[in-house]
Amino acid sequence: MYQKFINSLYISFIIILISFSARSAEDLKSIGKFKDWETFTVTENNNKICFAQSIPILRTPKKFERNPSRLFVSFRPTEDINDEISTTSGYTFQKEKIVKAKSGKKTFDFFAQENFAWIHDDEEEQKFVQAMKKASRVMIIGRTNKGKQTIDHYSLMGFSKAYNTAKKNCS
């Protein structure tokens, strides 16, 4: 579990850097845009990574300055990692506070490290993916290192197709 966390931290950091930087077309390839979600592949050190990502349709509070937010589902076949859920809300999360995802009546807990957060285990990731396939929206609720609460609202329109495309390209 600890090694998965370290690898996840590293890979998520790479994904965020890729998302926000101008990399060449050979490094990062969009393999489909599906309404509010997009699927990408990237190869780092001969390891193929596939992921679906989305940006929030609404972020609150509106006047709070922060970097972009993203919600990801990643696949790293060389590490036998599937359905890895991660998020960033554009700031450093408050230490020892749980980041939550809510969709309808369902709530999922994420653990945070700096400005990334992940679901605790594989079983919960599977449940979250299934919830996302059925829902229309998910909210990510976090707190900054100064205690300010933020809520990012993500549309799930196109999630299933983006997810299936990412999974297929890394199987």
N, C-alpha and C. Protein backbone atom coordinates (compact mmCIF):
# COMPACT_ATOMS: atom_id res chain seq x y z
N MET A 1 0.82 -1.19 0.00
CA MET A 1 0.00 0.00 0.00
C MET A 1 0.87 1.26 0.00
N TYR A 2 1.94 1.25 0.84
CA TYR A 2 2.81 2.42 0.91
C TYR A 2 3.49 2.66 -0.43
N GLN A 3 3.97 1.58 -1.08
CA GLN A 3 4.63 1.74 -2.37
C GLN A 3 3.65 2.27 -3.41
N LYS A 4 2.39 1.80 -3.35
CA LYS A 4 1.38 2.31 -4.27
C LYS A 4 1.19 3.80 -4.05
N PHE A 5 1.20 4.23 -2.80
CA PHE A 5 1.06 5.65 -2.48
C PHE A 5 2.20 6.46 -3.08
N ILE A 6 3.44 6.00 -2.88
CA ILE A 6 4.60 6.72 -3.40
C ILE A 6 4.54 6.78 -4.92
N ASN A 7 4.25 5.65 -5.56
CA ASN A 7 4.12 5.63 -7.02
C ASN A 7 2.99 6.54 -7.47
N SER A 8 1.87 6.52 -6.76
CA SER A 8 0.73 7.36 -7.11
C SER A 8 1.09 8.83 -7.00
N LEU A 9 1.80 9.17 -5.96
CA LEU A 9 2.22 10.56 -5.76
C LEU A 9 3.07 11.01 -6.94
N TYR A 10 4.03 10.19 -7.32
CA TYR A 10 4.92 10.51 -8.42
C TYR A 10 4.15 10.62 -9.74
N ILE A 11 3.33 9.64 -10.04
CA ILE A 11 2.59 9.62 -11.30
C ILE A 11 1.58 10.77 -11.36
N SER A 12 0.88 11.00 -10.26
CA SER A 12 -0.08 12.10 -10.25
C SER A 12 0.62 13.43 -10.44
N PHE A 13 1.79 13.57 -9.85
CA PHE A 13 2.56 14.78 -10.04
C PHE A 13 2.91 14.96 -11.51
N ILE A 14 3.31 13.88 -12.17
CA ILE A 14 3.62 13.93 -13.60
C ILE A 14 2.38 14.31 -14.40
N ILE A 15 1.25 13.69 -14.09
CA ILE A 15 0.02 13.99 -14.81
C ILE A 15 -0.35 15.46 -14.67
N ILE A 16 -0.24 16.00 -13.47
CA ILE A 16 -0.57 17.40 -13.26
C ILE A 16 0.39 18.29 -14.03
N LEU A 17 1.67 17.99 -13.97
CA LEU A 17 2.64 18.78 -14.72
C LEU A 17 2.33 18.74 -16.21
N ILE A 18 2.00 17.56 -16.69
CA ILE A 18 1.67 17.42 -18.11
C ILE A 18 0.42 18.23 -18.44
N SER A 19 -0.56 18.17 -17.57
CA SER A 19 -1.80 18.88 -17.82
C SER A 19 -1.60 20.38 -17.90
N PHE A 20 -0.65 20.89 -17.12
CA PHE A 20 -0.48 22.34 -17.04
C PHE A 20 0.68 22.88 -17.85
N SER A 21 1.49 22.03 -18.42
CA SER A 21 2.65 22.52 -19.15
C SER A 21 2.48 22.27 -20.64
N ALA A 22 3.30 22.96 -21.40
CA ALA A 22 3.27 22.80 -22.85
C ALA A 22 4.26 21.71 -23.23
N ARG A 23 3.77 20.51 -23.35
CA ARG A 23 4.61 19.38 -23.72
C ARG A 23 4.39 19.09 -25.20
N SER A 24 5.33 18.41 -25.80
CA SER A 24 5.20 18.11 -27.22
C SER A 24 4.08 17.10 -27.44
N ALA A 25 3.58 17.07 -28.66
CA ALA A 25 2.47 16.18 -29.01
C ALA A 25 2.85 14.72 -28.85
N GLU A 26 4.17 14.40 -28.96
CA GLU A 26 4.58 13.00 -28.82
C GLU A 26 4.46 12.52 -27.38
N ASP A 27 4.59 13.41 -26.42
CA ASP A 27 4.56 13.02 -25.01
C ASP A 27 3.15 12.78 -24.50
N LEU A 28 2.27 13.67 -24.77
CA LEU A 28 0.90 13.61 -24.28
C LEU A 28 -0.04 13.60 -25.48
N LYS A 29 -0.90 12.60 -25.51
CA LYS A 29 -1.83 12.48 -26.64
C LYS A 29 -3.25 12.42 -26.14
N SER A 30 -4.07 13.33 -26.63
CA SER A 30 -5.50 13.25 -26.37
C SER A 30 -6.05 12.17 -27.28
N ILE A 31 -6.77 11.23 -26.69
CA ILE A 31 -7.33 10.15 -27.51
C ILE A 31 -8.85 10.20 -27.54
N GLY A 32 -9.40 11.30 -27.04
CA GLY A 32 -10.84 11.47 -27.13
C GLY A 32 -11.38 12.51 -26.17
N LYS A 33 -12.31 13.31 -26.67
CA LYS A 33 -13.02 14.28 -25.85
C LYS A 33 -14.46 13.81 -25.80
N PHE A 34 -14.99 13.64 -24.61
CA PHE A 34 -16.33 13.09 -24.41
C PHE A 34 -17.12 14.03 -23.50
N LYS A 35 -17.79 14.99 -24.09
CA LYS A 35 -18.55 16.01 -23.36
C LYS A 35 -17.64 16.71 -22.36
N ASP A 36 -17.81 16.48 -21.05
CA ASP A 36 -17.03 17.20 -20.05
C ASP A 36 -15.76 16.46 -19.60
N TRP A 37 -15.43 15.36 -20.25
CA TRP A 37 -14.26 14.56 -19.90
C TRP A 37 -13.37 14.38 -21.12
N GLU A 38 -12.08 14.20 -20.88
CA GLU A 38 -11.13 13.95 -21.97
C GLU A 38 -10.19 12.83 -21.53
N THR A 39 -9.76 12.03 -22.49
CA THR A 39 -8.87 10.91 -22.23
C THR A 39 -7.52 11.16 -22.89
N PHE A 40 -6.46 10.82 -22.15
CA PHE A 40 -5.09 11.03 -22.62
C PHE A 40 -4.26 9.77 -22.42
N THR A 41 -3.18 9.68 -23.19
CA THR A 41 -2.13 8.71 -22.93
C THR A 41 -0.81 9.47 -22.88
N VAL A 42 0.09 8.95 -22.09
CA VAL A 42 1.44 9.50 -22.01
C VAL A 42 2.38 8.34 -21.72
N THR A 43 3.58 8.41 -22.25
CA THR A 43 4.59 7.39 -21.97
C THR A 43 5.76 8.06 -21.27
N GLU A 44 6.07 7.56 -20.10
CA GLU A 44 7.20 8.04 -19.31
C GLU A 44 8.09 6.85 -19.00
N ASN A 45 9.36 6.92 -19.39
CA ASN A 45 10.31 5.82 -19.14
C ASN A 45 9.78 4.48 -19.65
N ASN A 46 9.23 4.48 -20.85
CA ASN A 46 8.66 3.29 -21.50
C ASN A 46 7.46 2.71 -20.76
N ASN A 47 6.86 3.46 -19.86
CA ASN A 47 5.65 3.03 -19.16
C ASN A 47 4.47 3.84 -19.67
N LYS A 48 3.50 3.16 -20.23
CA LYS A 48 2.32 3.83 -20.75
C LYS A 48 1.33 4.10 -19.62
N ILE A 49 0.82 5.31 -19.59
CA ILE A 49 -0.18 5.73 -18.62
C ILE A 49 -1.37 6.25 -19.40
N CYS A 50 -2.56 5.85 -19.00
CA CYS A 50 -3.78 6.34 -19.61
C CYS A 50 -4.62 6.96 -18.51
N PHE A 51 -5.27 8.06 -18.81
CA PHE A 51 -6.12 8.68 -17.80
C PHE A 51 -7.24 9.48 -18.43
N ALA A 52 -8.35 9.52 -17.71
CA ALA A 52 -9.47 10.38 -18.05
C ALA A 52 -9.46 11.51 -17.04
N GLN A 53 -9.74 12.72 -17.51
CA GLN A 53 -9.74 13.85 -16.59
C GLN A 53 -10.86 14.82 -16.93
N SER A 54 -11.21 15.60 -15.94
CA SER A 54 -12.20 16.65 -16.13
C SER A 54 -11.83 17.85 -15.29
N ILE A 55 -12.35 19.00 -15.68
CA ILE A 55 -12.21 20.21 -14.89
C ILE A 55 -13.59 20.54 -14.32
N PRO A 56 -13.64 21.24 -13.20
CA PRO A 56 -14.95 21.52 -12.59
C PRO A 56 -15.79 22.47 -13.44
N ILE A 57 -17.09 22.29 -13.36
CA ILE A 57 -18.01 23.21 -14.03
C ILE A 57 -18.35 24.38 -13.11
N LEU A 58 -18.05 24.20 -11.82
CA LEU A 58 -18.28 25.26 -10.83
C LEU A 58 -17.29 25.07 -9.69
N ARG A 59 -16.68 26.18 -9.25
CA ARG A 59 -15.76 26.15 -8.11
C ARG A 59 -16.19 27.22 -7.12
N THR A 60 -16.29 26.83 -5.85
CA THR A 60 -16.63 27.81 -4.82
C THR A 60 -15.61 27.74 -3.69
N PRO A 61 -15.33 28.84 -3.03
CA PRO A 61 -15.84 30.19 -3.31
C PRO A 61 -15.22 30.76 -4.60
N LYS A 62 -15.99 31.56 -5.28
CA LYS A 62 -15.57 32.10 -6.57
C LYS A 62 -14.38 33.05 -6.47
N LYS A 63 -14.30 33.81 -5.39
CA LYS A 63 -13.26 34.83 -5.29
C LYS A 63 -11.96 34.32 -4.67
N PHE A 64 -11.87 33.04 -4.42
CA PHE A 64 -10.67 32.45 -3.84
C PHE A 64 -9.70 32.10 -4.97
N GLU A 65 -8.52 32.71 -4.96
CA GLU A 65 -7.53 32.46 -6.01
C GLU A 65 -6.80 31.16 -5.76
N ARG A 66 -6.78 30.31 -6.79
CA ARG A 66 -6.08 29.03 -6.70
C ARG A 66 -5.76 28.54 -8.10
N ASN A 67 -4.90 27.56 -8.17
CA ASN A 67 -4.55 26.94 -9.45
C ASN A 67 -5.71 26.09 -9.95
N PRO A 68 -5.65 25.63 -11.19
CA PRO A 68 -6.74 24.80 -11.73
C PRO A 68 -6.98 23.52 -10.92
N SER A 69 -8.21 23.06 -10.95
CA SER A 69 -8.62 21.81 -10.32
C SER A 69 -8.80 20.75 -11.39
N ARG A 70 -8.59 19.49 -11.01
CA ARG A 70 -8.78 18.37 -11.93
C ARG A 70 -9.23 17.14 -11.14
N LEU A 71 -9.99 16.30 -11.80
CA LEU A 71 -10.38 14.99 -11.26
C LEU A 71 -9.91 13.96 -12.29
N PHE A 72 -9.20 12.91 -11.81
CA PHE A 72 -8.58 11.93 -12.69
C PHE A 72 -9.00 10.51 -12.34
N VAL A 73 -9.01 9.66 -13.38
CA VAL A 73 -9.04 8.21 -13.20
C VAL A 73 -7.89 7.70 -14.08
N SER A 74 -6.92 7.02 -13.45
CA SER A 74 -5.69 6.63 -14.15
C SER A 74 -5.51 5.12 -14.21
N PHE A 75 -4.79 4.71 -15.25
CA PHE A 75 -4.43 3.31 -15.46
C PHE A 75 -2.94 3.25 -15.76
N ARG A 76 -2.22 2.40 -15.02
CA ARG A 76 -0.79 2.21 -15.23
C ARG A 76 -0.52 0.71 -15.28
N PRO A 77 -0.66 0.10 -16.46
CA PRO A 77 -0.58 -1.36 -16.56
C PRO A 77 0.75 -1.95 -16.13
N THR A 78 1.86 -1.26 -16.35
CA THR A 78 3.16 -1.83 -15.95
C THR A 78 3.28 -1.94 -14.43
N GLU A 79 2.46 -1.19 -13.70
CA GLU A 79 2.47 -1.25 -12.23
C GLU A 79 1.23 -1.97 -11.70
N ASP A 80 0.42 -2.53 -12.61
CA ASP A 80 -0.81 -3.23 -12.24
C ASP A 80 -1.75 -2.33 -11.44
N ILE A 81 -1.86 -1.07 -11.88
CA ILE A 81 -2.74 -0.11 -11.21
C ILE A 81 -3.86 0.26 -12.18
N ASN A 82 -5.09 0.05 -11.71
CA ASN A 82 -6.29 0.36 -12.50
C ASN A 82 -7.24 1.20 -11.66
N ASP A 83 -8.00 2.02 -12.31
CA ASP A 83 -9.06 2.81 -11.64
C ASP A 83 -8.54 3.67 -10.50
N GLU A 84 -7.35 4.20 -10.62
CA GLU A 84 -6.82 5.04 -9.55
C GLU A 84 -7.48 6.42 -9.63
N ILE A 85 -8.18 6.77 -8.58
CA ILE A 85 -8.88 8.05 -8.51
C ILE A 85 -7.99 9.05 -7.79
N SER A 86 -7.81 10.22 -8.39
CA SER A 86 -7.07 11.29 -7.74
C SER A 86 -7.67 12.63 -8.12
N THR A 87 -7.35 13.62 -7.31
CA THR A 87 -7.86 14.96 -7.57
C THR A 87 -6.88 15.99 -7.05
N THR A 88 -6.94 17.16 -7.62
CA THR A 88 -6.26 18.33 -7.10
C THR A 88 -7.26 19.48 -7.15
N SER A 89 -7.25 20.30 -6.13
CA SER A 89 -8.17 21.43 -6.10
C SER A 89 -7.45 22.76 -6.26
N GLY A 90 -6.18 22.71 -6.62
CA GLY A 90 -5.45 23.92 -6.93
C GLY A 90 -4.80 24.61 -5.74
N TYR A 91 -4.62 23.90 -4.65
CA TYR A 91 -3.97 24.45 -3.47
C TYR A 91 -3.45 23.29 -2.62
N THR A 92 -2.70 23.59 -1.57
CA THR A 92 -2.25 22.57 -0.63
C THR A 92 -3.38 22.28 0.34
N PHE A 93 -3.76 21.01 0.41
CA PHE A 93 -4.83 20.60 1.32
C PHE A 93 -4.38 20.71 2.77
N GLN A 94 -5.34 20.98 3.64
CA GLN A 94 -5.05 21.04 5.07
C GLN A 94 -4.61 19.67 5.57
N LYS A 95 -3.52 19.64 6.32
CA LYS A 95 -2.99 18.38 6.84
C LYS A 95 -4.00 17.72 7.78
N GLU A 96 -4.05 16.40 7.68
CA GLU A 96 -4.87 15.56 8.55
C GLU A 96 -6.37 15.81 8.43
N LYS A 97 -6.80 16.47 7.38
CA LYS A 97 -8.23 16.64 7.10
C LYS A 97 -8.57 15.78 5.89
N ILE A 98 -9.70 15.12 5.94
CA ILE A 98 -10.13 14.26 4.85
C ILE A 98 -10.77 15.12 3.76
N VAL A 99 -10.41 14.82 2.52
CA VAL A 99 -11.07 15.41 1.36
C VAL A 99 -12.22 14.48 1.04
N LYS A 100 -13.38 15.04 0.73
CA LYS A 100 -14.56 14.22 0.48
C LYS A 100 -15.06 14.41 -0.94
N ALA A 101 -15.61 13.34 -1.47
CA ALA A 101 -16.33 13.39 -2.74
C ALA A 101 -17.77 13.01 -2.43
N LYS A 102 -18.72 13.79 -2.94
CA LYS A 102 -20.13 13.49 -2.72
C LYS A 102 -20.84 13.45 -4.07
N SER A 103 -21.67 12.43 -4.19
CA SER A 103 -22.52 12.30 -5.36
C SER A 103 -23.84 11.73 -4.87
N GLY A 104 -24.87 12.53 -4.92
CA GLY A 104 -26.16 12.11 -4.37
C GLY A 104 -26.00 11.87 -2.88
N LYS A 105 -26.42 10.69 -2.42
CA LYS A 105 -26.31 10.35 -1.00
C LYS A 105 -24.99 9.65 -0.67
N LYS A 106 -24.18 9.37 -1.67
CA LYS A 106 -22.93 8.64 -1.46
C LYS A 106 -21.78 9.61 -1.18
N THR A 107 -20.94 9.23 -0.20
CA THR A 107 -19.77 10.02 0.17
C THR A 107 -18.55 9.11 0.16
N PHE A 108 -17.45 9.62 -0.38
CA PHE A 108 -16.20 8.88 -0.44
C PHE A 108 -15.10 9.73 0.17
N ASP A 109 -14.24 9.09 0.96
CA ASP A 109 -13.14 9.80 1.61
C ASP A 109 -11.85 9.63 0.81
N PHE A 110 -11.11 10.73 0.70
CA PHE A 110 -9.80 10.75 0.06
C PHE A 110 -8.77 11.13 1.12
N PHE A 111 -7.55 10.64 0.98
CA PHE A 111 -6.47 11.13 1.84
C PHE A 111 -5.66 12.12 1.01
N ALA A 112 -5.18 13.16 1.65
CA ALA A 112 -4.47 14.22 0.95
C ALA A 112 -2.99 14.22 1.30
N GLN A 113 -2.21 14.58 0.31
CA GLN A 113 -0.77 14.77 0.48
C GLN A 113 -0.41 15.99 -0.36
N GLU A 114 -0.08 17.08 0.31
CA GLU A 114 0.21 18.35 -0.37
C GLU A 114 -1.03 18.81 -1.14
N ASN A 115 -0.94 18.89 -2.50
CA ASN A 115 -2.08 19.38 -3.27
C ASN A 115 -2.76 18.29 -4.10
N PHE A 116 -2.56 17.02 -3.72
CA PHE A 116 -3.23 15.89 -4.35
C PHE A 116 -3.99 15.10 -3.31
N ALA A 117 -5.04 14.40 -3.76
CA ALA A 117 -5.78 13.52 -2.85
C ALA A 117 -6.18 12.27 -3.63
N TRP A 118 -6.21 11.13 -2.90
CA TRP A 118 -6.53 9.84 -3.48
C TRP A 118 -7.54 9.12 -2.61
N ILE A 119 -8.28 8.20 -3.22
CA ILE A 119 -9.15 7.31 -2.44
C ILE A 119 -8.27 6.29 -1.74
N HIS A 120 -8.71 5.86 -0.56
CA HIS A 120 -7.88 5.03 0.31
C HIS A 120 -7.52 3.65 -0.24
N ASP A 121 -8.45 2.96 -0.89
CA ASP A 121 -8.14 1.60 -1.31
C ASP A 121 -8.85 1.23 -2.61
N ASP A 122 -8.43 0.10 -3.17
CA ASP A 122 -8.94 -0.35 -4.46
C ASP A 122 -10.45 -0.58 -4.46
N GLU A 123 -10.96 -1.16 -3.39
CA GLU A 123 -12.40 -1.45 -3.31
C GLU A 123 -13.22 -0.15 -3.35
N GLU A 124 -12.78 0.84 -2.62
CA GLU A 124 -13.47 2.13 -2.62
C GLU A 124 -13.37 2.81 -3.99
N GLU A 125 -12.22 2.65 -4.66
CA GLU A 125 -12.08 3.21 -6.01
C GLU A 125 -13.11 2.59 -6.95
N GLN A 126 -13.30 1.28 -6.85
CA GLN A 126 -14.28 0.60 -7.69
C GLN A 126 -15.70 1.13 -7.42
N LYS A 127 -16.02 1.32 -6.16
CA LYS A 127 -17.33 1.84 -5.79
C LYS A 127 -17.52 3.26 -6.32
N PHE A 128 -16.46 4.06 -6.24
CA PHE A 128 -16.53 5.44 -6.73
C PHE A 128 -16.72 5.47 -8.25
N VAL A 129 -15.98 4.63 -8.96
CA VAL A 129 -16.14 4.56 -10.42
C VAL A 129 -17.58 4.19 -10.77
N GLN A 130 -18.13 3.20 -10.09
CA GLN A 130 -19.51 2.78 -10.36
C GLN A 130 -20.49 3.92 -10.06
N ALA A 131 -20.27 4.63 -8.98
CA ALA A 131 -21.13 5.77 -8.65
C ALA A 131 -21.03 6.85 -9.72
N MET A 132 -19.82 7.10 -10.21
CA MET A 132 -19.64 8.12 -11.23
C MET A 132 -20.32 7.74 -12.54
N LYS A 133 -20.34 6.45 -12.85
CA LYS A 133 -21.00 6.00 -14.09
C LYS A 133 -22.51 6.23 -14.04
N LYS A 134 -23.09 6.22 -12.84
CA LYS A 134 -24.54 6.35 -12.69
C LYS A 134 -24.99 7.79 -12.41
N ALA A 135 -24.11 8.61 -11.90
CA ALA A 135 -24.49 9.95 -11.45
C ALA A 135 -24.33 10.99 -12.56
N SER A 136 -24.80 12.18 -12.30
CA SER A 136 -24.64 13.28 -13.25
C SER A 136 -23.63 14.31 -12.77
N ARG A 137 -23.33 14.29 -11.46
CA ARG A 137 -22.41 15.28 -10.91
C ARG A 137 -21.75 14.72 -9.66
N VAL A 138 -20.53 15.18 -9.39
CA VAL A 138 -19.83 14.85 -8.16
C VAL A 138 -19.18 16.13 -7.62
N MET A 139 -19.17 16.25 -6.31
CA MET A 139 -18.54 17.41 -5.67
C MET A 139 -17.32 16.92 -4.91
N ILE A 140 -16.22 17.66 -5.04
CA ILE A 140 -15.02 17.40 -4.26
C ILE A 140 -14.92 18.54 -3.23
N ILE A 141 -14.91 18.16 -1.95
CA ILE A 141 -14.91 19.13 -0.86
C ILE A 141 -13.60 19.00 -0.10
N GLY A 142 -12.86 20.09 -0.06
CA GLY A 142 -11.57 20.09 0.62
C GLY A 142 -11.39 21.36 1.43
N ARG A 143 -10.30 21.38 2.19
CA ARG A 143 -9.94 22.55 2.99
C ARG A 143 -8.49 22.92 2.69
N THR A 144 -8.26 24.22 2.57
CA THR A 144 -6.91 24.71 2.34
C THR A 144 -6.09 24.54 3.61
N ASN A 145 -4.79 24.75 3.49
CA ASN A 145 -3.93 24.64 4.67
C ASN A 145 -4.25 25.73 5.71
N LYS A 146 -5.06 26.71 5.33
CA LYS A 146 -5.51 27.75 6.28
C LYS A 146 -6.95 27.52 6.74
N GLY A 147 -7.55 26.40 6.35
CA GLY A 147 -8.87 26.02 6.83
C GLY A 147 -10.05 26.46 5.99
N LYS A 148 -9.82 27.15 4.87
CA LYS A 148 -10.91 27.60 4.01
C LYS A 148 -11.47 26.41 3.22
N GLN A 149 -12.80 26.21 3.27
CA GLN A 149 -13.44 25.12 2.53
C GLN A 149 -13.66 25.51 1.08
N THR A 150 -13.42 24.56 0.19
CA THR A 150 -13.72 24.74 -1.23
C THR A 150 -14.57 23.57 -1.69
N ILE A 151 -15.36 23.82 -2.72
CA ILE A 151 -16.17 22.77 -3.33
C ILE A 151 -16.02 22.90 -4.84
N ASP A 152 -15.56 21.83 -5.46
CA ASP A 152 -15.47 21.76 -6.92
C ASP A 152 -16.57 20.83 -7.41
N HIS A 153 -17.40 21.32 -8.32
CA HIS A 153 -18.50 20.54 -8.90
C HIS A 153 -18.07 20.04 -10.28
N TYR A 154 -18.08 18.73 -10.44
CA TYR A 154 -17.71 18.12 -11.72
C TYR A 154 -18.93 17.50 -12.37
N SER A 155 -19.10 17.80 -13.65
CA SER A 155 -20.12 17.13 -14.44
C SER A 155 -19.60 15.73 -14.77
N LEU A 156 -20.48 14.77 -14.80
CA LEU A 156 -20.09 13.41 -15.17
C LEU A 156 -20.58 13.05 -16.57
N MET A 157 -21.02 14.06 -17.31
CA MET A 157 -21.42 13.83 -18.70
C MET A 157 -20.18 13.44 -19.50
N GLY A 158 -20.21 12.27 -20.09
CA GLY A 158 -19.08 11.77 -20.88
C GLY A 158 -18.10 10.93 -20.07
N PHE A 159 -18.32 10.83 -18.75
CA PHE A 159 -17.37 10.08 -17.92
C PHE A 159 -17.23 8.63 -18.37
N SER A 160 -18.34 7.93 -18.57
CA SER A 160 -18.27 6.50 -18.91
C SER A 160 -17.47 6.26 -20.18
N LYS A 161 -17.69 7.07 -21.20
CA LYS A 161 -16.95 6.90 -22.46
C LYS A 161 -15.47 7.22 -22.27
N ALA A 162 -15.17 8.29 -21.54
CA ALA A 162 -13.77 8.65 -21.29
C ALA A 162 -13.08 7.56 -20.47
N TYR A 163 -13.76 7.07 -19.46
CA TYR A 163 -13.23 6.00 -18.61
C TYR A 163 -12.96 4.74 -19.44
N ASN A 164 -13.95 4.32 -20.22
CA ASN A 164 -13.80 3.11 -21.04
C ASN A 164 -12.68 3.25 -22.06
N THR A 165 -12.51 4.44 -22.62
CA THR A 165 -11.44 4.68 -23.60
C THR A 165 -10.08 4.59 -22.92
N ALA A 166 -9.94 5.19 -21.74
CA ALA A 166 -8.67 5.11 -21.01
C ALA A 166 -8.35 3.66 -20.65
N LYS A 167 -9.33 2.96 -20.15
CA LYS A 167 -9.14 1.56 -19.73
C LYS A 167 -8.74 0.70 -20.93
N LYS A 168 -9.43 0.86 -22.05
CA LYS A 168 -9.15 0.08 -23.25
C LYS A 168 -7.74 0.35 -23.78
N ASN A 169 -7.30 1.61 -23.73
CA ASN A 169 -5.99 1.96 -24.27
C ASN A 169 -4.83 1.51 -23.38
N CYS A 170 -5.12 1.14 -22.16
CA CYS A 170 -4.06 0.66 -21.26
C CYS A 170 -4.29 -0.77 -20.83
N SER A 171 -5.04 -1.54 -21.60
CA SER A 171 -5.24 -2.94 -21.21
C SER A 171 -4.38 -3.87 -22.03
